[in-house]
Amino acid sequence: MNSTKIDIYNHVMPLAYLELVKQHGKEPGMVKRMSKLRMLWDMEARVKMLEAWPEVQQVISLAVPSPDMLGGPDESPAYARVANEGMAEICRRWPD
């Protein structure tokens, strides 16, 4: 029996949001690590990797830092919008 497995603990970072993190991130070490984690921001590579496990579906969530960690109340709503639009695009492009 080959049943679907749903992996619910998957962080991603849309590319436009990664650029915000690079510009406004307060922890240079974390920004450097995030930039090197290809499966975090390269969705085409992630989808290709998942072809090895066709029974797996992922529920994605935004990786840290969250928008409120990048800026105060004046900036964070715009950062959240970038993150949300990026996440929505990922879901539109790869709905499965």
PDB file of N, CA and C in Angstrom:
ATOM      1  N   MET A   1       0.841  -1.180   0.000  1.00  0.00           N
ATOM      2  CA  MET A   1       0.000   0.000   0.000  1.00  0.00           C
ATOM      3  C   MET A   1       0.886   1.243   0.000  1.00  0.00           C
ATOM      4  N   ASN A   2       0.652   2.139  -0.914  1.00  0.00           N
ATOM      5  CA  ASN A   2       1.441   3.360  -1.042  1.00  0.00           C
ATOM      6  C   ASN A   2       0.564   4.551  -0.698  1.00  0.00           C
ATOM      7  N   SER A   3       0.534   4.920   0.553  1.00  0.00           N
ATOM      8  CA  SER A   3      -0.340   6.016   0.972  1.00  0.00           C
ATOM      9  C   SER A   3       0.436   7.333   1.026  1.00  0.00           C
ATOM     10  N   THR A   4      -0.284   8.410   0.905  1.00  0.00           N
ATOM     11  CA  THR A   4       0.308   9.737   0.965  1.00  0.00           C
ATOM     12  C   THR A   4       0.808  10.031   2.366  1.00  0.00           C
ATOM     13  N   LYS A   5       1.973  10.624   2.425  1.00  0.00           N
ATOM     14  CA  LYS A   5       2.552  11.073   3.694  1.00  0.00           C
ATOM     15  C   LYS A   5       2.618  12.596   3.631  1.00  0.00           C
ATOM     16  N   ILE A   6       2.103  13.249   4.660  1.00  0.00           N
ATOM     17  CA  ILE A   6       2.098  14.702   4.694  1.00  0.00           C
ATOM     18  C   ILE A   6       3.121  15.171   5.713  1.00  0.00           C
ATOM     19  N   ASP A   7       4.114  15.872   5.224  1.00  0.00           N
ATOM     20  CA  ASP A   7       5.196  16.403   6.042  1.00  0.00           C
ATOM     21  C   ASP A   7       4.840  17.848   6.388  1.00  0.00           C
ATOM     22  N   ILE A   8       4.560  18.114   7.650  1.00  0.00           N
ATOM     23  CA  ILE A   8       4.038  19.432   8.029  1.00  0.00           C
ATOM     24  C   ILE A   8       5.089  20.388   8.574  1.00  0.00           C
ATOM     25  N   TYR A   9       6.335  19.991   8.628  1.00  0.00           N
ATOM     26  CA  TYR A   9       7.352  20.847   9.243  1.00  0.00           C
ATOM     27  C   TYR A   9       8.389  21.253   8.199  1.00  0.00           C
ATOM     28  N   ASN A  10       7.974  22.108   7.263  1.00  0.00           N
ATOM     29  CA  ASN A  10       8.852  22.514   6.170  1.00  0.00           C
ATOM     30  C   ASN A  10       8.912  24.019   6.051  1.00  0.00           C
ATOM     31  N   HIS A  11      10.083  24.537   6.325  1.00  0.00           N
ATOM     32  CA  HIS A  11      10.273  25.978   6.215  1.00  0.00           C
ATOM     33  C   HIS A  11      10.815  26.322   4.836  1.00  0.00           C
ATOM     34  N   VAL A  12      10.328  27.424   4.300  1.00  0.00           N
ATOM     35  CA  VAL A  12      10.800  27.941   3.019  1.00  0.00           C
ATOM     36  C   VAL A  12      10.983  29.445   3.148  1.00  0.00           C
ATOM     37  N   MET A  13      11.716  29.997   2.173  1.00  0.00           N
ATOM     38  CA  MET A  13      11.920  31.427   2.145  1.00  0.00           C
ATOM     39  C   MET A  13      11.833  31.885   0.690  1.00  0.00           C
ATOM     40  N   PRO A  14      10.726  32.507   0.317  1.00  0.00           N
ATOM     41  CA  PRO A  14      10.631  33.026  -1.049  1.00  0.00           C
ATOM     42  C   PRO A  14      11.823  33.944  -1.344  1.00  0.00           C
ATOM     43  N   LEU A  15      12.282  33.933  -2.594  1.00  0.00           N
ATOM     44  CA  LEU A  15      13.484  34.692  -2.952  1.00  0.00           C
ATOM     45  C   LEU A  15      13.400  36.178  -2.613  1.00  0.00           C
ATOM     46  N   ALA A  16      12.263  36.805  -2.869  1.00  0.00           N
ATOM     47  CA  ALA A  16      12.140  38.233  -2.556  1.00  0.00           C
ATOM     48  C   ALA A  16      12.262  38.468  -1.047  1.00  0.00           C
ATOM     49  N   TYR A  17      11.753  37.529  -0.261  1.00  0.00           N
ATOM     50  CA  TYR A  17      11.869  37.668   1.192  1.00  0.00           C
ATOM     51  C   TYR A  17      13.310  37.418   1.633  1.00  0.00           C
ATOM     52  N   LEU A  18      13.987  36.462   0.994  1.00  0.00           N
ATOM     53  CA  LEU A  18      15.399  36.223   1.305  1.00  0.00           C
ATOM     54  C   LEU A  18      16.201  37.505   1.085  1.00  0.00           C
ATOM     55  N   GLU A  19      15.891  38.245   0.041  1.00  0.00           N
ATOM     56  CA  GLU A  19      16.591  39.507  -0.205  1.00  0.00           C
ATOM     57  C   GLU A  19      16.344  40.501   0.931  1.00  0.00           C
ATOM     58  N   LEU A  20      15.121  40.542   1.446  1.00  0.00           N
ATOM     59  CA  LEU A  20      14.838  41.409   2.602  1.00  0.00           C
ATOM     60  C   LEU A  20      15.643  40.971   3.820  1.00  0.00           C
ATOM     61  N   VAL A  21      15.734  39.661   4.013  1.00  0.00           N
ATOM     62  CA  VAL A  21      16.506  39.136   5.146  1.00  0.00           C
ATOM     63  C   VAL A  21      17.978  39.534   4.987  1.00  0.00           C
ATOM     64  N   LYS A  22      18.497  39.440   3.775  1.00  0.00           N
ATOM     65  CA  LYS A  22      19.890  39.838   3.541  1.00  0.00           C
ATOM     66  C   LYS A  22      20.101  41.322   3.850  1.00  0.00           C
ATOM     67  N   GLN A  23      19.112  42.152   3.536  1.00  0.00           N
ATOM     68  CA  GLN A  23      19.234  43.596   3.751  1.00  0.00           C
ATOM     69  C   GLN A  23      18.996  44.016   5.200  1.00  0.00           C
ATOM     70  N   HIS A  24      18.053  43.334   5.866  1.00  0.00           N
ATOM     71  CA  HIS A  24      17.608  43.821   7.178  1.00  0.00           C
ATOM     72  C   HIS A  24      17.834  42.840   8.324  1.00  0.00           C
ATOM     73  N   GLY A  25      18.362  41.655   8.027  1.00  0.00           N
ATOM     74  CA  GLY A  25      18.601  40.673   9.077  1.00  0.00           C
ATOM     75  C   GLY A  25      19.594  41.189  10.098  1.00  0.00           C
ATOM     76  N   LYS A  26      19.334  40.909  11.341  1.00  0.00           N
ATOM     77  CA  LYS A  26      20.153  41.438  12.425  1.00  0.00           C
ATOM     78  C   LYS A  26      21.228  40.465  12.893  1.00  0.00           C
ATOM     79  N   GLU A  27      21.215  39.238  12.333  1.00  0.00           N
ATOM     80  CA  GLU A  27      22.199  38.232  12.712  1.00  0.00           C
ATOM     81  C   GLU A  27      22.948  37.773  11.463  1.00  0.00           C
ATOM     82  N   PRO A  28      24.125  38.336  11.193  1.00  0.00           N
ATOM     83  CA  PRO A  28      24.856  38.012   9.966  1.00  0.00           C
ATOM     84  C   PRO A  28      25.130  36.509   9.795  1.00  0.00           C
ATOM     85  N   GLY A  29      25.385  35.812  10.881  1.00  0.00           N
ATOM     86  CA  GLY A  29      25.632  34.372  10.789  1.00  0.00           C
ATOM     87  C   GLY A  29      24.414  33.618  10.278  1.00  0.00           C
ATOM     88  N   MET A  30      23.242  33.995  10.767  1.00  0.00           N
ATOM     89  CA  MET A  30      22.019  33.336  10.329  1.00  0.00           C
ATOM     90  C   MET A  30      21.741  33.659   8.861  1.00  0.00           C
ATOM     91  N   VAL A  31      21.949  34.899   8.468  1.00  0.00           N
ATOM     92  CA  VAL A  31      21.730  35.291   7.076  1.00  0.00           C
ATOM     93  C   VAL A  31      22.642  34.482   6.163  1.00  0.00           C
ATOM     94  N   LYS A  32      23.872  34.304   6.558  1.00  0.00           N
ATOM     95  CA  LYS A  32      24.832  33.520   5.768  1.00  0.00           C
ATOM     96  C   LYS A  32      24.365  32.063   5.646  1.00  0.00           C
ATOM     97  N   ARG A  33      23.906  31.477   6.760  1.00  0.00           N
ATOM     98  CA  ARG A  33      23.422  30.091   6.729  1.00  0.00           C
ATOM     99  C   ARG A  33      22.190  29.956   5.840  1.00  0.00           C
ATOM    100  N   MET A  34      21.249  30.891   5.970  1.00  0.00           N
ATOM    101  CA  MET A  34      20.028  30.853   5.160  1.00  0.00           C
ATOM    102  C   MET A  34      20.371  30.911   3.672  1.00  0.00           C
ATOM    103  N   SER A  35      21.316  31.741   3.331  1.00  0.00           N
ATOM    104  CA  SER A  35      21.700  31.904   1.927  1.00  0.00           C
ATOM    105  C   SER A  35      22.297  30.626   1.347  1.00  0.00           C
ATOM    106  N   LYS A  36      22.893  29.816   2.191  1.00  0.00           N
ATOM    107  CA  LYS A  36      23.528  28.576   1.726  1.00  0.00           C
ATOM    108  C   LYS A  36      22.585  27.378   1.718  1.00  0.00           C
ATOM    109  N   LEU A  37      21.434  27.479   2.358  1.00  0.00           N
ATOM    110  CA  LEU A  37      20.482  26.371   2.415  1.00  0.00           C
ATOM    111  C   LEU A  37      19.586  26.389   1.171  1.00  0.00           C
ATOM    112  N   ARG A  38      20.066  25.811   0.106  1.00  0.00           N
ATOM    113  CA  ARG A  38      19.383  25.899  -1.184  1.00  0.00           C
ATOM    114  C   ARG A  38      17.939  25.416  -1.123  1.00  0.00           C
ATOM    115  N   MET A  39      17.670  24.342  -0.420  1.00  0.00           N
ATOM    116  CA  MET A  39      16.307  23.795  -0.364  1.00  0.00           C
ATOM    117  C   MET A  39      15.349  24.732   0.368  1.00  0.00           C
ATOM    118  N   LEU A  40      15.886  25.718   1.047  1.00  0.00           N
ATOM    119  CA  LEU A  40      15.057  26.704   1.743  1.00  0.00           C
ATOM    120  C   LEU A  40      14.456  27.707   0.765  1.00  0.00           C
ATOM    121  N   TRP A  41      15.205  28.112  -0.248  1.00  0.00           N
ATOM    122  CA  TRP A  41      14.757  29.179  -1.141  1.00  0.00           C
ATOM    123  C   TRP A  41      14.661  28.790  -2.613  1.00  0.00           C
ATOM    124  N   ASP A  42      15.220  27.641  -3.006  1.00  0.00           N
ATOM    125  CA  ASP A  42      15.161  27.204  -4.410  1.00  0.00           C
ATOM    126  C   ASP A  42      14.059  26.148  -4.542  1.00  0.00           C
ATOM    127  N   MET A  43      12.856  26.598  -4.836  1.00  0.00           N
ATOM    128  CA  MET A  43      11.709  25.692  -4.873  1.00  0.00           C
ATOM    129  C   MET A  43      11.808  24.688  -6.023  1.00  0.00           C
ATOM    130  N   GLU A  44      12.393  25.066  -7.140  1.00  0.00           N
ATOM    131  CA  GLU A  44      12.557  24.114  -8.237  1.00  0.00           C
ATOM    132  C   GLU A  44      13.457  22.965  -7.808  1.00  0.00           C
ATOM    133  N   ALA A  45      14.526  23.261  -7.095  1.00  0.00           N
ATOM    134  CA  ALA A  45      15.412  22.205  -6.590  1.00  0.00           C
ATOM    135  C   ALA A  45      14.691  21.346  -5.560  1.00  0.00           C
ATOM    136  N   ARG A  46      13.881  21.960  -4.723  1.00  0.00           N
ATOM    137  CA  ARG A  46      13.135  21.203  -3.710  1.00  0.00           C
ATOM    138  C   ARG A  46      12.145  20.251  -4.370  1.00  0.00           C
ATOM    139  N   VAL A  47      11.406  20.750  -5.359  1.00  0.00           N
ATOM    140  CA  VAL A  47      10.435  19.916  -6.065  1.00  0.00           C
ATOM    141  C   VAL A  47      11.144  18.762  -6.767  1.00  0.00           C
ATOM    142  N   LYS A  48      12.279  19.053  -7.384  1.00  0.00           N
ATOM    143  CA  LYS A  48      13.064  18.010  -8.061  1.00  0.00           C
ATOM    144  C   LYS A  48      13.515  16.946  -7.061  1.00  0.00           C
ATOM    145  N   MET A  49      13.991  17.367  -5.897  1.00  0.00           N
ATOM    146  CA  MET A  49      14.431  16.437  -4.854  1.00  0.00           C
ATOM    147  C   MET A  49      13.277  15.559  -4.396  1.00  0.00           C
ATOM    148  N   LEU A  50      12.083  16.145  -4.287  1.00  0.00           N
ATOM    149  CA  LEU A  50      10.925  15.399  -3.806  1.00  0.00           C
ATOM    150  C   LEU A  50      10.419  14.359  -4.808  1.00  0.00           C
ATOM    151  N   GLU A  51      10.859  14.430  -6.049  1.00  0.00           N
ATOM    152  CA  GLU A  51      10.455  13.423  -7.034  1.00  0.00           C
ATOM    153  C   GLU A  51      10.855  12.021  -6.595  1.00  0.00           C
ATOM    154  N   ALA A  52      11.878  11.923  -5.756  1.00  0.00           N
ATOM    155  CA  ALA A  52      12.314  10.624  -5.240  1.00  0.00           C
ATOM    156  C   ALA A  52      11.299  10.020  -4.276  1.00  0.00           C
ATOM    157  N   TRP A  53      10.402  10.843  -3.743  1.00  0.00           N
ATOM    158  CA  TRP A  53       9.384  10.403  -2.791  1.00  0.00           C
ATOM    159  C   TRP A  53       8.018  10.889  -3.253  1.00  0.00           C
ATOM    160  N   PRO A  54       7.454  10.283  -4.272  1.00  0.00           N
ATOM    161  CA  PRO A  54       6.183  10.765  -4.826  1.00  0.00           C
ATOM    162  C   PRO A  54       5.011  10.682  -3.850  1.00  0.00           C
ATOM    163  N   GLU A  55       5.138   9.905  -2.802  1.00  0.00           N
ATOM    164  CA  GLU A  55       4.045   9.781  -1.832  1.00  0.00           C
ATOM    165  C   GLU A  55       4.061  10.903  -0.785  1.00  0.00           C
ATOM    166  N   VAL A  56       5.074  11.762  -0.825  1.00  0.00           N
ATOM    167  CA  VAL A  56       5.219  12.819   0.178  1.00  0.00           C
ATOM    168  C   VAL A  56       4.674  14.143  -0.351  1.00  0.00           C
ATOM    169  N   GLN A  57       3.873  14.784   0.471  1.00  0.00           N
ATOM    170  CA  GLN A  57       3.433  16.152   0.231  1.00  0.00           C
ATOM    171  C   GLN A  57       3.921  16.997   1.399  1.00  0.00           C
ATOM    172  N   GLN A  58       4.273  18.237   1.121  1.00  0.00           N
ATOM    173  CA  GLN A  58       4.754  19.125   2.172  1.00  0.00           C
ATOM    174  C   GLN A  58       3.783  20.274   2.408  1.00  0.00           C
ATOM    175  N   VAL A  59       3.616  20.599   3.679  1.00  0.00           N
ATOM    176  CA  VAL A  59       2.923  21.820   4.077  1.00  0.00           C
ATOM    177  C   VAL A  59       4.045  22.797   4.423  1.00  0.00           C
ATOM    178  N   ILE A  60       4.084  23.935   3.740  1.00  0.00           N
ATOM    179  CA  ILE A  60       5.194  24.853   3.940  1.00  0.00           C
ATOM    180  C   ILE A  60       4.824  25.999   4.880  1.00  0.00           C
ATOM    181  N   SER A  61       5.851  26.520   5.525  1.00  0.00           N
ATOM    182  CA  SER A  61       5.686  27.698   6.378  1.00  0.00           C
ATOM    183  C   SER A  61       6.922  28.570   6.214  1.00  0.00           C
ATOM    184  N   LEU A  62       6.778  29.832   6.534  1.00  0.00           N
ATOM    185  CA  LEU A  62       7.873  30.776   6.387  1.00  0.00           C
ATOM    186  C   LEU A  62       8.957  30.509   7.423  1.00  0.00           C
ATOM    187  N   ALA A  63      10.194  30.483   6.951  1.00  0.00           N
ATOM    188  CA  ALA A  63      11.338  30.313   7.849  1.00  0.00           C
ATOM    189  C   ALA A  63      11.583  31.604   8.622  1.00  0.00           C
ATOM    190  N   VAL A  64      12.276  31.487   9.733  1.00  0.00           N
ATOM    191  CA  VAL A  64      12.688  32.672  10.479  1.00  0.00           C
ATOM    192  C   VAL A  64      13.852  33.315   9.747  1.00  0.00           C
ATOM    193  N   PRO A  65      14.032  34.597   9.877  1.00  0.00           N
ATOM    194  CA  PRO A  65      13.353  35.501  10.782  1.00  0.00           C
ATOM    195  C   PRO A  65      11.998  35.933  10.235  1.00  0.00           C
ATOM    196  N   SER A  66      11.065  36.090  11.135  1.00  0.00           N
ATOM    197  CA  SER A  66       9.735  36.559  10.754  1.00  0.00           C
ATOM    198  C   SER A  66       9.793  38.055  10.449  1.00  0.00           C
ATOM    199  N   PRO A  67       8.788  38.575   9.758  1.00  0.00           N
ATOM    200  CA  PRO A  67       8.804  40.003   9.403  1.00  0.00           C
ATOM    201  C   PRO A  67       9.010  40.938  10.586  1.00  0.00           C
ATOM    202  N   ASP A  68       8.436  40.614  11.736  1.00  0.00           N
ATOM    203  CA  ASP A  68       8.599  41.485  12.897  1.00  0.00           C
ATOM    204  C   ASP A  68      10.009  41.434  13.474  1.00  0.00           C
ATOM    205  N   MET A  69      10.787  40.422  13.086  1.00  0.00           N
ATOM    206  CA  MET A  69      12.179  40.350  13.523  1.00  0.00           C
ATOM    207  C   MET A  69      13.087  41.186  12.612  1.00  0.00           C
ATOM    208  N   LEU A  70      12.581  41.535  11.429  1.00  0.00           N
ATOM    209  CA  LEU A  70      13.369  42.321  10.479  1.00  0.00           C
ATOM    210  C   LEU A  70      13.172  43.822  10.649  1.00  0.00           C
ATOM    211  N   GLY A  71      12.007  44.209  11.126  1.00  0.00           N
ATOM    212  CA  GLY A  71      11.728  45.637  11.255  1.00  0.00           C
ATOM    213  C   GLY A  71      10.624  45.883  12.246  1.00  0.00           C
ATOM    214  N   GLY A  72      10.455  47.126  12.583  1.00  0.00           N
ATOM    215  CA  GLY A  72       9.438  47.530  13.542  1.00  0.00           C
ATOM    216  C   GLY A  72       8.063  47.606  12.920  1.00  0.00           C
ATOM    217  N   PRO A  73       7.125  48.186  13.649  1.00  0.00           N
ATOM    218  CA  PRO A  73       5.738  48.235  13.183  1.00  0.00           C
ATOM    219  C   PRO A  73       5.544  49.028  11.892  1.00  0.00           C
ATOM    220  N   ASP A  74       6.460  49.911  11.564  1.00  0.00           N
ATOM    221  CA  ASP A  74       6.324  50.666  10.316  1.00  0.00           C
ATOM    222  C   ASP A  74       6.760  49.843   9.101  1.00  0.00           C
ATOM    223  N   GLU A  75       7.739  48.959   9.275  1.00  0.00           N
ATOM    224  CA  GLU A  75       8.267  48.177   8.155  1.00  0.00           C
ATOM    225  C   GLU A  75       7.688  46.768   8.057  1.00  0.00           C
ATOM    226  N   SER A  76       7.424  46.146   9.183  1.00  0.00           N
ATOM    227  CA  SER A  76       7.082  44.715   9.172  1.00  0.00           C
ATOM    228  C   SER A  76       5.825  44.368   8.366  1.00  0.00           C
ATOM    229  N   PRO A  77       4.786  45.206   8.291  1.00  0.00           N
ATOM    230  CA  PRO A  77       3.654  44.833   7.438  1.00  0.00           C
ATOM    231  C   PRO A  77       4.049  44.684   5.956  1.00  0.00           C
ATOM    232  N   ALA A  78       4.922  45.550   5.477  1.00  0.00           N
ATOM    233  CA  ALA A  78       5.378  45.433   4.085  1.00  0.00           C
ATOM    234  C   ALA A  78       6.222  44.175   3.906  1.00  0.00           C
ATOM    235  N   TYR A  79       7.040  43.837   4.892  1.00  0.00           N
ATOM    236  CA  TYR A  79       7.852  42.623   4.823  1.00  0.00           C
ATOM    237  C   TYR A  79       6.947  41.384   4.833  1.00  0.00           C
ATOM    238  N   ALA A  80       5.907  41.438   5.657  1.00  0.00           N
ATOM    239  CA  ALA A  80       4.954  40.319   5.708  1.00  0.00           C
ATOM    240  C   ALA A  80       4.254  40.146   4.364  1.00  0.00           C
ATOM    241  N   ARG A  81       3.943  41.247   3.725  1.00  0.00           N
ATOM    242  CA  ARG A  81       3.288  41.187   2.409  1.00  0.00           C
ATOM    243  C   ARG A  81       4.207  40.498   1.394  1.00  0.00           C
ATOM    244  N   VAL A  82       5.479  40.835   1.398  1.00  0.00           N
ATOM    245  CA  VAL A  82       6.444  40.196   0.492  1.00  0.00           C
ATOM    246  C   VAL A  82       6.502  38.694   0.768  1.00  0.00           C
ATOM    247  N   ALA A  83       6.564  38.338   2.041  1.00  0.00           N
ATOM    248  CA  ALA A  83       6.609  36.915   2.411  1.00  0.00           C
ATOM    249  C   ALA A  83       5.331  36.204   1.987  1.00  0.00           C
ATOM    250  N   ASN A  84       4.182  36.792   2.281  1.00  0.00           N
ATOM    251  CA  ASN A  84       2.895  36.162   1.950  1.00  0.00           C
ATOM    252  C   ASN A  84       2.711  36.019   0.447  1.00  0.00           C
ATOM    253  N   GLU A  85       3.075  37.045  -0.301  1.00  0.00           N
ATOM    254  CA  GLU A  85       2.948  36.953  -1.759  1.00  0.00           C
ATOM    255  C   GLU A  85       3.874  35.885  -2.323  1.00  0.00           C
ATOM    256  N   GLY A  86       5.076  35.786  -1.773  1.00  0.00           N
ATOM    257  CA  GLY A  86       6.002  34.743  -2.203  1.00  0.00           C
ATOM    258  C   GLY A  86       5.498  33.350  -1.879  1.00  0.00           C
ATOM    259  N   MET A  87       4.948  33.181  -0.682  1.00  0.00           N
ATOM    260  CA  MET A  87       4.390  31.883  -0.287  1.00  0.00           C
ATOM    261  C   MET A  87       3.201  31.529  -1.175  1.00  0.00           C
ATOM    262  N   ALA A  88       2.353  32.503  -1.472  1.00  0.00           N
ATOM    263  CA  ALA A  88       1.195  32.253  -2.330  1.00  0.00           C
ATOM    264  C   ALA A  88       1.643  31.833  -3.733  1.00  0.00           C
ATOM    265  N   GLU A  89       2.685  32.471  -4.241  1.00  0.00           N
ATOM    266  CA  GLU A  89       3.192  32.108  -5.563  1.00  0.00           C
ATOM    267  C   GLU A  89       3.729  30.677  -5.570  1.00  0.00           C
ATOM    268  N   ILE A  90       4.434  30.301  -4.523  1.00  0.00           N
ATOM    269  CA  ILE A  90       4.927  28.923  -4.413  1.00  0.00           C
ATOM    270  C   ILE A  90       3.746  27.952  -4.450  1.00  0.00           C
ATOM    271  N   CYS A  91       2.707  28.247  -3.694  1.00  0.00           N
ATOM    272  CA  CYS A  91       1.532  27.369  -3.639  1.00  0.00           C
ATOM    273  C   CYS A  91       0.783  27.327  -4.972  1.00  0.00           C
ATOM    274  N   ARG A  92       0.742  28.459  -5.669  1.00  0.00           N
ATOM    275  CA  ARG A  92       0.103  28.470  -6.994  1.00  0.00           C
ATOM    276  C   ARG A  92       0.898  27.632  -7.995  1.00  0.00           C
ATOM    277  N   ARG A  93       2.194  27.779  -7.923  1.00  0.00           N
ATOM    278  CA  ARG A  93       3.058  27.088  -8.895  1.00  0.00           C
ATOM    279  C   ARG A  93       3.148  25.587  -8.629  1.00  0.00           C
ATOM    280  N   TRP A  94       3.150  25.206  -7.367  1.00  0.00           N
ATOM    281  CA  TRP A  94       3.253  23.796  -6.986  1.00  0.00           C
ATOM    282  C   TRP A  94       2.149  23.450  -5.999  1.00  0.00           C
ATOM    283  N   PRO A  95       0.911  23.361  -6.464  1.00  0.00           N
ATOM    284  CA  PRO A  95      -0.216  23.147  -5.540  1.00  0.00           C
ATOM    285  C   PRO A  95      -0.206  21.776  -4.857  1.00  0.00           C
ATOM    286  N   ASP A  96       0.499  20.835  -5.415  1.00  0.00           N
ATOM    287  CA  ASP A  96       0.531  19.501  -4.792  1.00  0.00           C
ATOM    288  C   ASP A  96       1.618  19.391  -3.758  1.00  0.00           C
TER     289      ASP A  96
END
